[in-house]
PDB file of N, CA and C in Angstrom:
ATOM      1  N   MET A   1       0.633  -1.116   0.135  1.00  0.00           N
ATOM      2  CA  MET A   1      -0.175  -0.006  -0.043  1.00  0.00           C
ATOM      3  C   MET A   1       1.054   1.027  -0.137  1.00  0.00           C
ATOM      4  N   GLU A   2       0.600   2.325  -0.848  1.00  0.00           N
ATOM      5  CA  GLU A   2       1.703   3.195  -1.110  1.00  0.00           C
ATOM      6  C   GLU A   2       0.379   4.866  -0.873  1.00  0.00           C
ATOM      7  N   THR A   3       0.675   5.708   0.116  1.00  0.00           N
ATOM      8  CA  THR A   3       0.142   6.890   0.584  1.00  0.00           C
ATOM      9  C   THR A   3       1.645   7.967  -0.137  1.00  0.00           C
ATOM     10  N   TYR A   4       0.477   8.776  -0.804  1.00  0.00           N
ATOM     11  CA  TYR A   4       1.243  10.210  -1.165  1.00  0.00           C
ATOM     12  C   TYR A   4      -0.007  11.431  -0.733  1.00  0.00           C
ATOM     13  N   LEU A   5       0.585  12.666  -1.444  1.00  0.00           N
ATOM     14  CA  LEU A   5       0.035  13.648  -1.127  1.00  0.00           C
ATOM     15  C   LEU A   5      -0.445  14.553  -2.288  1.00  0.00           C
ATOM     16  N   LYS A   6      -1.283  14.866  -2.860  1.00  0.00           N
ATOM     17  CA  LYS A   6      -1.735  15.330  -3.851  1.00  0.00           C
ATOM     18  C   LYS A   6      -2.212  16.573  -3.881  1.00  0.00           C
ATOM     19  N   LEU A   7      -1.345  17.584  -4.082  1.00  0.00           N
ATOM     20  CA  LEU A   7      -1.736  19.315  -4.319  1.00  0.00           C
ATOM     21  C   LEU A   7      -2.372  19.229  -5.698  1.00  0.00           C
ATOM     22  N   LYS A   8      -3.259  20.028  -5.761  1.00  0.00           N
ATOM     23  CA  LYS A   8      -4.273  20.572  -6.724  1.00  0.00           C
ATOM     24  C   LYS A   8      -3.842  21.740  -6.838  1.00  0.00           C
ATOM     25  N   PHE A   9      -3.528  22.593  -7.908  1.00  0.00           N
ATOM     26  CA  PHE A   9      -3.279  24.346  -8.167  1.00  0.00           C
ATOM     27  C   PHE A   9      -4.225  24.623  -9.545  1.00  0.00           C
ATOM     28  N   LEU A  10      -4.519  25.714  -9.160  1.00  0.00           N
ATOM     29  CA  LEU A  10      -4.780  26.021 -10.617  1.00  0.00           C
ATOM     30  C   LEU A  10      -4.111  27.297 -11.452  1.00  0.00           C
ATOM     31  N   ASN A  11      -3.931  26.730 -12.878  1.00  0.00           N
ATOM     32  CA  ASN A  11      -2.755  27.438 -13.514  1.00  0.00           C
ATOM     33  C   ASN A  11      -2.810  28.782 -14.110  1.00  0.00           C
ATOM     34  N   SER A  12      -1.923  29.449 -14.645  1.00  0.00           N
ATOM     35  CA  SER A  12      -2.527  30.653 -15.312  1.00  0.00           C
ATOM     36  C   SER A  12      -3.002  31.032 -16.448  1.00  0.00           C
ATOM     37  N   ASN A  13      -3.410  29.675 -16.957  1.00  0.00           N
ATOM     38  CA  ASN A  13      -4.647  29.025 -18.104  1.00  0.00           C
ATOM     39  C   ASN A  13      -5.810  28.657 -17.750  1.00  0.00           C
ATOM     40  N   GLY A  14      -6.270  28.585 -16.362  1.00  0.00           N
ATOM     41  CA  GLY A  14      -7.733  28.254 -15.836  1.00  0.00           C
ATOM     42  C   GLY A  14      -7.332  26.742 -15.838  1.00  0.00           C
ATOM     43  N   LYS A  15      -6.463  26.161 -16.251  1.00  0.00           N
ATOM     44  CA  LYS A  15      -6.361  24.211 -16.162  1.00  0.00           C
ATOM     45  C   LYS A  15      -5.705  23.995 -14.661  1.00  0.00           C
ATOM     46  N   SER A  16      -6.501  22.627 -14.234  1.00  0.00           N
ATOM     47  CA  SER A  16      -5.512  22.501 -13.076  1.00  0.00           C
ATOM     48  C   SER A  16      -4.349  21.576 -13.349  1.00  0.00           C
ATOM     49  N   SER A  17      -3.320  21.747 -12.427  1.00  0.00           N
ATOM     50  CA  SER A  17      -2.107  21.208 -12.278  1.00  0.00           C
ATOM     51  C   SER A  17      -1.534  20.798 -10.584  1.00  0.00           C
ATOM     52  N   PHE A  18      -0.981  19.623 -10.617  1.00  0.00           N
ATOM     53  CA  PHE A  18      -0.558  18.865  -9.377  1.00  0.00           C
ATOM     54  C   PHE A  18       0.415  18.561  -9.082  1.00  0.00           C
ATOM     55  N   ILE A  19       0.983  18.394  -8.255  1.00  0.00           N
ATOM     56  CA  ILE A  19       2.018  17.962  -7.665  1.00  0.00           C
ATOM     57  C   ILE A  19       1.797  17.330  -6.536  1.00  0.00           C
ATOM     58  N   ARG A  20       2.282  15.734  -6.673  1.00  0.00           N
ATOM     59  CA  ARG A  20       2.375  14.508  -6.375  1.00  0.00           C
ATOM     60  C   ARG A  20       3.424  14.270  -5.049  1.00  0.00           C
ATOM     61  N   ILE A  21       3.152  14.307  -4.084  1.00  0.00           N
ATOM     62  CA  ILE A  21       4.741  13.925  -3.103  1.00  0.00           C
ATOM     63  C   ILE A  21       4.445  12.618  -2.515  1.00  0.00           C
ATOM     64  N   SER A  22       5.418  11.933  -2.498  1.00  0.00           N
ATOM     65  CA  SER A  22       5.693  10.313  -2.015  1.00  0.00           C
ATOM     66  C   SER A  22       6.205  10.078  -0.491  1.00  0.00           C
ATOM     67  N   ASN A  23       5.628   9.646  -0.118  1.00  0.00           N
ATOM     68  CA  ASN A  23       5.864   9.484   1.457  1.00  0.00           C
ATOM     69  C   ASN A  23       5.538  10.628   2.257  1.00  0.00           C
ATOM     70  N   PRO A  24       4.855  10.900   2.190  1.00  0.00           N
ATOM     71  CA  PRO A  24       4.349  12.780   3.041  1.00  0.00           C
ATOM     72  C   PRO A  24       4.269  11.864   4.656  1.00  0.00           C
ATOM     73  N   LYS A  25       4.305  13.444   5.406  1.00  0.00           N
ATOM     74  CA  LYS A  25       4.455  13.126   7.017  1.00  0.00           C
ATOM     75  C   LYS A  25       2.729  12.516   7.098  1.00  0.00           C
ATOM     76  N   LYS A  26       2.707  12.034   7.728  1.00  0.00           N
ATOM     77  CA  LYS A  26       1.583  11.460   8.460  1.00  0.00           C
ATOM     78  C   LYS A  26       0.972  12.827   9.306  1.00  0.00           C
ATOM     79  N   ASP A  27      -0.147  13.201   9.085  1.00  0.00           N
ATOM     80  CA  ASP A  27      -1.349  14.092   9.997  1.00  0.00           C
ATOM     81  C   ASP A  27      -1.307  15.635  10.317  1.00  0.00           C
ATOM     82  N   LEU A  28      -0.712  15.742   8.887  1.00  0.00           N
ATOM     83  CA  LEU A  28      -0.305  17.360   8.486  1.00  0.00           C
ATOM     84  C   LEU A  28      -1.381  18.356   8.465  1.00  0.00           C
ATOM     85  N   THR A  29      -1.515  18.792   8.846  1.00  0.00           N
ATOM     86  CA  THR A  29      -2.563  20.132   9.284  1.00  0.00           C
ATOM     87  C   THR A  29      -2.744  20.858   7.829  1.00  0.00           C
ATOM     88  N   THR A  30      -4.557  21.063   8.038  1.00  0.00           N
ATOM     89  CA  THR A  30      -4.747  21.852   7.018  1.00  0.00           C
ATOM     90  C   THR A  30      -3.618  23.638   7.093  1.00  0.00           C
ATOM     91  N   ASP A  31      -3.356  23.784   8.284  1.00  0.00           N
ATOM     92  CA  ASP A  31      -2.399  25.438   8.064  1.00  0.00           C
ATOM     93  C   ASP A  31      -0.737  25.129   7.305  1.00  0.00           C
ATOM     94  N   THR A  32      -0.644  23.807   7.786  1.00  0.00           N
ATOM     95  CA  THR A  32       0.888  23.738   7.414  1.00  0.00           C
ATOM     96  C   THR A  32       0.682  23.335   6.043  1.00  0.00           C
ATOM     97  N   VAL A  33       0.083  22.571   5.450  1.00  0.00           N
ATOM     98  CA  VAL A  33      -0.100  22.022   3.629  1.00  0.00           C
ATOM     99  C   VAL A  33      -0.993  23.722   2.954  1.00  0.00           C
ATOM    100  N   GLY A  34      -1.557  24.336   3.771  1.00  0.00           N
ATOM    101  CA  GLY A  34      -2.004  25.397   2.952  1.00  0.00           C
ATOM    102  C   GLY A  34      -0.942  26.698   2.840  1.00  0.00           C
ATOM    103  N   THR A  35      -0.241  26.912   3.752  1.00  0.00           N
ATOM    104  CA  THR A  35       0.994  27.643   3.388  1.00  0.00           C
ATOM    105  C   THR A  35       2.356  27.086   2.973  1.00  0.00           C
ATOM    106  N   ALA A  36       2.117  25.802   2.582  1.00  0.00           N
ATOM    107  CA  ALA A  36       3.102  25.307   1.559  1.00  0.00           C
ATOM    108  C   ALA A  36       3.087  25.361   0.403  1.00  0.00           C
ATOM    109  N   MET A  37       1.493  25.071   0.115  1.00  0.00           N
ATOM    110  CA  MET A  37       0.777  25.399  -1.398  1.00  0.00           C
ATOM    111  C   MET A  37       1.272  27.383  -1.465  1.00  0.00           C
ATOM    112  N   GLU A  38       0.597  27.657  -0.900  1.00  0.00           N
ATOM    113  CA  GLU A  38       0.642  29.528  -0.486  1.00  0.00           C
ATOM    114  C   GLU A  38       2.052  29.607  -1.315  1.00  0.00           C
ATOM    115  N   LEU A  39       3.035  29.090  -0.877  1.00  0.00           N
ATOM    116  CA  LEU A  39       4.341  29.738  -0.744  1.00  0.00           C
ATOM    117  C   LEU A  39       4.703  28.971  -2.201  1.00  0.00           C
ATOM    118  N   ILE A  40       4.747  27.733  -2.787  1.00  0.00           N
ATOM    119  CA  ILE A  40       4.716  27.382  -3.685  1.00  0.00           C
ATOM    120  C   ILE A  40       4.097  28.541  -4.959  1.00  0.00           C
ATOM    121  N   CYS A  41       2.781  29.062  -4.885  1.00  0.00           N
ATOM    122  CA  CYS A  41       2.364  29.979  -6.040  1.00  0.00           C
ATOM    123  C   CYS A  41       3.083  31.381  -5.849  1.00  0.00           C
ATOM    124  N   SER A  42       3.651  31.747  -4.732  1.00  0.00           N
ATOM    125  CA  SER A  42       4.229  32.875  -4.526  1.00  0.00           C
ATOM    126  C   SER A  42       5.965  33.374  -4.896  1.00  0.00           C
ATOM    127  N   THR A  43       6.100  32.271  -5.364  1.00  0.00           N
ATOM    128  CA  THR A  43       7.860  31.972  -5.841  1.00  0.00           C
ATOM    129  C   THR A  43       7.721  31.885  -7.513  1.00  0.00           C
ATOM    130  N   LYS A  44       6.906  31.383  -7.804  1.00  0.00           N
ATOM    131  CA  LYS A  44       6.470  31.925  -9.449  1.00  0.00           C
ATOM    132  C   LYS A  44       8.020  31.257 -10.186  1.00  0.00           C
ATOM    133  N   ALA A  45       8.400  29.742  -9.689  1.00  0.00           N
ATOM    134  CA  ALA A  45       9.168  29.407  -9.923  1.00  0.00           C
ATOM    135  C   ALA A  45       9.126  28.148 -10.941  1.00  0.00           C
ATOM    136  N   PHE A  46       7.803  27.736 -11.331  1.00  0.00           N
ATOM    137  CA  PHE A  46       7.687  26.866 -12.183  1.00  0.00           C
ATOM    138  C   PHE A  46       6.905  27.167 -12.929  1.00  0.00           C
ATOM    139  N   GLU A  47       7.282  27.179 -14.350  1.00  0.00           N
ATOM    140  CA  GLU A  47       6.563  27.663 -15.462  1.00  0.00           C
ATOM    141  C   GLU A  47       6.986  26.595 -16.652  1.00  0.00           C
ATOM    142  N   LYS A  48       5.909  26.500 -17.846  1.00  0.00           N
ATOM    143  CA  LYS A  48       5.804  25.722 -18.787  1.00  0.00           C
ATOM    144  C   LYS A  48       5.261  26.480 -19.921  1.00  0.00           C
ATOM    145  N   GLY A  49       6.039  26.969 -20.600  1.00  0.00           N
ATOM    146  CA  GLY A  49       6.213  28.096 -21.479  1.00  0.00           C
ATOM    147  C   GLY A  49       5.813  29.570 -21.219  1.00  0.00           C
ATOM    148  N   ASP A  50       4.829  30.305 -21.034  1.00  0.00           N
ATOM    149  CA  ASP A  50       4.165  30.830 -20.708  1.00  0.00           C
ATOM    150  C   ASP A  50       2.919  30.656 -19.485  1.00  0.00           C
ATOM    151  N   THR A  51       2.841  29.813 -19.150  1.00  0.00           N
ATOM    152  CA  THR A  51       2.510  29.025 -18.357  1.00  0.00           C
ATOM    153  C   THR A  51       3.126  29.288 -16.509  1.00  0.00           C
ATOM    154  N   ASP A  52       2.442  29.868 -15.710  1.00  0.00           N
ATOM    155  CA  ASP A  52       2.645  29.367 -14.281  1.00  0.00           C
ATOM    156  C   ASP A  52       1.734  28.496 -14.052  1.00  0.00           C
ATOM    157  N   MET A  53       2.078  27.629 -13.411  1.00  0.00           N
ATOM    158  CA  MET A  53       1.843  26.075 -13.405  1.00  0.00           C
ATOM    159  C   MET A  53       1.271  25.917 -11.992  1.00  0.00           C
ATOM    160  N   TYR A  54       1.578  26.896 -11.129  1.00  0.00           N
ATOM    161  CA  TYR A  54       1.171  27.140 -10.117  1.00  0.00           C
ATOM    162  C   TYR A  54       0.322  28.269  -9.524  1.00  0.00           C
ATOM    163  N   GLU A  55      -0.077  29.128  -9.999  1.00  0.00           N
ATOM    164  CA  GLU A  55      -0.922  30.287  -9.509  1.00  0.00           C
ATOM    165  C   GLU A  55      -1.863  30.723  -8.656  1.00  0.00           C
ATOM    166  N   LYS A  56      -2.673  29.086  -8.324  1.00  0.00           N
ATOM    167  CA  LYS A  56      -3.753  29.248  -7.097  1.00  0.00           C
ATOM    168  C   LYS A  56      -3.832  28.022  -6.435  1.00  0.00           C
ATOM    169  N   ALA A  57      -3.440  28.137  -5.331  1.00  0.00           N
ATOM    170  CA  ALA A  57      -4.041  26.695  -4.294  1.00  0.00           C
ATOM    171  C   ALA A  57      -4.795  26.688  -4.377  1.00  0.00           C
ATOM    172  N   LEU A  58      -5.524  25.120  -4.601  1.00  0.00           N
ATOM    173  CA  LEU A  58      -7.360  24.634  -5.118  1.00  0.00           C
ATOM    174  C   LEU A  58      -7.492  23.673  -3.170  1.00  0.00           C
ATOM    175  N   GLY A  59      -6.315  22.490  -3.297  1.00  0.00           N
ATOM    176  CA  GLY A  59      -6.589  21.711  -2.347  1.00  0.00           C
ATOM    177  C   GLY A  59      -5.623  20.619  -2.371  1.00  0.00           C
ATOM    178  N   ALA A  60      -5.855  19.962  -1.174  1.00  0.00           N
ATOM    179  CA  ALA A  60      -4.835  18.804  -1.011  1.00  0.00           C
ATOM    180  C   ALA A  60      -5.310  17.702  -0.778  1.00  0.00           C
ATOM    181  N   LYS A  61      -4.583  16.175  -0.218  1.00  0.00           N
ATOM    182  CA  LYS A  61      -5.706  15.441  -0.016  1.00  0.00           C
ATOM    183  C   LYS A  61      -4.513  14.208   0.003  1.00  0.00           C
ATOM    184  N   TYR A  62      -4.884  13.556   1.209  1.00  0.00           N
ATOM    185  CA  TYR A  62      -3.859  11.657   0.889  1.00  0.00           C
ATOM    186  C   TYR A  62      -4.597  11.035  -0.100  1.00  0.00           C
ATOM    187  N   VAL A  63      -3.804  10.221  -0.884  1.00  0.00           N
ATOM    188  CA  VAL A  63      -3.898   9.043  -1.679  1.00  0.00           C
ATOM    189  C   VAL A  63      -3.568   7.931  -1.136  1.00  0.00           C
ATOM    190  N   THR A  64      -4.124   6.762  -1.263  1.00  0.00           N
ATOM    191  CA  THR A  64      -3.773   5.358  -0.847  1.00  0.00           C
ATOM    192  C   THR A  64      -4.220   4.506  -1.800  1.00  0.00           C
ATOM    193  N   THR A  65      -3.032   4.180  -2.114  1.00  0.00           N
ATOM    194  CA  THR A  65      -3.491   3.044  -3.638  1.00  0.00           C
ATOM    195  C   THR A  65      -3.030   1.688  -2.633  1.00  0.00           C
ATOM    196  N   THR A  66      -3.736   0.442  -3.427  1.00  0.00           N
ATOM    197  CA  THR A  66      -3.570  -1.000  -3.104  1.00  0.00           C
ATOM    198  C   THR A  66      -3.619  -1.361  -4.330  1.00  0.00           C
ATOM    199  N   GLU A  67      -2.545  -2.310  -4.114  1.00  0.00           N
ATOM    200  CA  GLU A  67      -2.231  -3.543  -5.357  1.00  0.00           C
ATOM    201  C   GLU A  67      -3.123  -4.794  -5.736  1.00  0.00           C
ATOM    202  N   ASN A  68      -3.449  -4.943  -6.169  1.00  0.00           N
ATOM    203  CA  ASN A  68      -4.216  -6.669  -6.375  1.00  0.00           C
ATOM    204  C   ASN A  68      -3.748  -7.284  -7.096  1.00  0.00           C
ATOM    205  N   VAL A  69      -2.798  -8.126  -7.001  1.00  0.00           N
ATOM    206  CA  VAL A  69      -1.896  -8.804  -8.091  1.00  0.00           C
ATOM    207  C   VAL A  69      -2.951 -10.170  -8.721  1.00  0.00           C
ATOM    208  N   ILE A  70      -3.599  -9.846  -9.537  1.00  0.00           N
ATOM    209  CA  ILE A  70      -4.036 -10.847  -9.755  1.00  0.00           C
ATOM    210  C   ILE A  70      -3.617 -12.000 -10.921  1.00  0.00           C
ATOM    211  N   PHE A  71      -2.399 -11.583 -11.691  1.00  0.00           N
ATOM    212  CA  PHE A  71      -1.812 -12.508 -12.532  1.00  0.00           C
ATOM    213  C   PHE A  71       0.124 -12.118 -12.219  1.00  0.00           C
ATOM    214  N   ASP A  72       0.607 -13.262 -12.257  1.00  0.00           N
ATOM    215  CA  ASP A  72       2.222 -12.802 -11.882  1.00  0.00           C
ATOM    216  C   ASP A  72       2.964 -14.222 -12.378  1.00  0.00           C
ATOM    217  N   ASN A  73       3.551 -14.122 -13.572  1.00  0.00           N
ATOM    218  CA  ASN A  73       4.461 -15.218 -14.639  1.00  0.00           C
ATOM    219  C   ASN A  73       5.700 -14.954 -14.020  1.00  0.00           C
ATOM    220  N   LYS A  74       5.918 -15.203 -12.880  1.00  0.00           N
ATOM    221  CA  LYS A  74       7.816 -14.964 -12.666  1.00  0.00           C
ATOM    222  C   LYS A  74       8.293 -16.023 -13.074  1.00  0.00           C
ATOM    223  N   GLN A  75       9.445 -15.872 -13.759  1.00  0.00           N
ATOM    224  CA  GLN A  75      10.165 -17.202 -14.478  1.00  0.00           C
ATOM    225  C   GLN A  75      11.720 -17.264 -13.203  1.00  0.00           C
TER     226      GLN A  75
END
């Protein structure tokens, strides 16, 4: 089972952009994550062409994935 933190932003073209953080600390607070996301936005350090990739923070969530192997042909 894997858990990661998914940060959702709005880019300067009005589309969603995401940052995926592997192995995040558990029980992060709204204030901690919100402050970190606002800092990412304020740096204007991430651009793709003329697009500011992280213009506005929209939300964050923990995502947990589970793998259920149904076939494994190891040799």
